[in-house]
Amino acid sequence: MSKKGLPWTAEECATAARMWQELGDMTKIQKCREIGKAIGRSYLAVEFQEKVRGPTFDGIAPVAERLDPRNCPPAHVLEERNRAYAGDVSLTAAWMGDPLPGRSALERMGR
């Protein structure tokens, strides 16, 4: 049975962490392949989990910690966005990220 798409169990994480330490000097790809064979996952799944959870496979860092702060907008920009969307916004505009009335590029060109 394929485990594709199924969340990792605590047992799989513990096995992966133990094996990661035991495999020592192997390359990352070799470790991922060996761990994948042992727990029935692809090496890509193991590589992804190691990247997200770290070599201890013990948890996922909050999204805010995983994001590179250089790629995040400044706090004042996020606050302005939240204030703007707190008003009357259609469900479609909120879901799809449409600009608020009067703030689209086309409407600004007409000014």
Protein backbone atom coordinates (compact mmCIF):
# COMPACT_ATOMS: atom_id res chain seq x y z
CA MET A 1 0.00 0.00 0.00
CA SER A 2 1.32 3.41 -0.93
CA LYS A 3 1.68 6.00 1.81
CA LYS A 4 1.64 8.86 -0.68
CA GLY A 5 -0.26 11.80 0.74
CA LEU A 6 -0.67 10.28 4.20
CA PRO A 7 0.72 12.25 7.15
CA TRP A 8 3.82 10.90 8.82
CA THR A 9 3.28 8.96 12.02
CA ALA A 10 5.28 9.53 15.20
CA GLU A 11 6.85 6.11 14.69
CA GLU A 12 8.04 7.02 11.18
CA CYS A 13 9.50 10.29 12.47
CA ALA A 14 11.30 8.50 15.31
CA THR A 15 12.69 5.87 12.92
CA ALA A 16 13.81 8.54 10.45
CA ALA A 17 15.54 10.57 13.20
CA ARG A 18 17.30 7.49 14.60
CA MET A 19 18.44 6.36 11.14
CA TRP A 20 19.58 9.89 10.20
CA GLN A 21 22.01 9.80 13.13
CA GLU A 22 23.10 6.19 12.51
CA LEU A 23 23.83 6.75 8.81
CA GLY A 24 26.39 9.40 9.77
CA ASP A 25 28.74 10.26 6.90
CA MET A 26 26.46 9.28 4.02
CA THR A 27 25.33 12.01 1.65
CA LYS A 28 21.90 13.51 2.20
CA ILE A 29 20.45 11.69 -0.83
CA GLN A 30 21.86 8.34 0.35
CA LYS A 31 20.38 8.87 3.81
CA CYS A 32 17.00 9.79 2.35
CA ARG A 33 16.98 6.69 0.13
CA GLU A 34 17.88 4.35 3.00
CA ILE A 35 15.32 5.88 5.35
CA GLY A 36 12.68 5.83 2.61
CA LYS A 37 13.25 2.12 1.99
CA ALA A 38 13.02 1.37 5.72
CA ILE A 39 9.75 3.22 6.34
CA GLY A 40 8.09 2.73 2.96
CA ARG A 41 8.32 6.33 1.74
CA SER A 42 10.00 7.83 -1.32
CA TYR A 43 13.37 9.46 -0.85
CA LEU A 44 11.78 12.73 -1.97
CA ALA A 45 9.24 12.49 0.87
CA VAL A 46 12.05 11.91 3.36
CA GLU A 47 14.08 14.78 1.90
CA PHE A 48 11.07 17.11 2.15
CA GLN A 49 10.34 16.10 5.76
CA GLU A 50 14.00 16.62 6.72
CA LYS A 51 13.91 20.06 5.11
CA VAL A 52 10.69 21.07 6.90
CA ARG A 53 11.16 19.32 10.25
CA GLY A 54 14.93 19.24 10.48
CA PRO A 55 17.18 16.19 10.93
CA THR A 56 15.44 15.28 14.20
CA PHE A 57 12.08 14.91 12.36
CA ASP A 58 10.41 16.04 15.58
CA GLY A 59 8.16 18.87 14.53
CA ILE A 60 7.28 21.50 12.02
CA ALA A 61 8.39 25.03 12.67
CA PRO A 62 5.60 27.60 12.49
CA VAL A 63 5.17 29.05 9.03
CA ALA A 64 6.40 32.45 10.20
CA GLU A 65 9.73 30.89 11.21
CA ARG A 66 10.12 29.03 7.91
CA LEU A 67 9.57 32.13 5.79
CA ASP A 68 12.55 34.20 4.85
CA PRO A 69 11.97 37.62 6.44
CA ARG A 70 13.44 39.31 3.37
CA ASN A 71 10.48 38.02 1.33
CA CYS A 72 7.80 39.10 3.81
CA PRO A 73 6.11 42.47 3.52
CA PRO A 74 6.71 44.93 6.36
CA ALA A 75 4.29 44.88 9.30
CA HIS A 76 2.76 48.27 8.42
CA VAL A 77 1.84 46.99 4.95
CA LEU A 78 0.11 43.93 6.41
CA GLU A 79 -1.75 46.10 8.92
CA GLU A 80 -2.97 48.40 6.13
CA ARG A 81 -4.14 45.38 4.13
CA ASN A 82 -5.99 43.95 7.12
CA ARG A 83 -7.68 47.30 7.82
CA ALA A 84 -8.74 47.60 4.18
CA TYR A 85 -10.19 44.08 4.08
CA ALA A 86 -11.98 44.56 7.41
CA GLY A 87 -14.53 46.77 5.62
CA ASP A 88 -17.08 45.72 3.03
CA VAL A 89 -15.33 43.30 0.69
CA SER A 90 -17.05 40.77 -1.51
CA LEU A 91 -16.28 37.13 -0.92
CA THR A 92 -14.73 36.86 -4.38
CA ALA A 93 -12.47 39.87 -3.80
CA ALA A 94 -11.30 38.51 -0.46
CA TRP A 95 -10.75 34.97 -1.77
CA MET A 96 -9.03 35.94 -5.02
CA GLY A 97 -7.11 38.92 -3.64
CA ASP A 98 -8.77 41.46 -5.89
CA PRO A 99 -7.88 45.08 -5.16
CA LEU A 100 -10.39 47.18 -3.30
CA PRO A 101 -12.52 49.64 -5.29
CA GLY A 102 -10.42 52.62 -6.33
CA ARG A 103 -7.10 50.82 -5.77
CA SER A 104 -6.65 48.85 -8.98
CA ALA A 105 -3.98 49.87 -11.49
CA LEU A 106 -6.62 50.66 -14.14
CA GLU A 107 -8.55 52.95 -11.83
CA ARG A 108 -5.35 54.75 -10.79
CA MET A 109 -4.49 55.38 -14.46
CA GLY A 110 -7.77 57.28 -14.92
CA ARG A 111 -6.96 59.79 -12.19
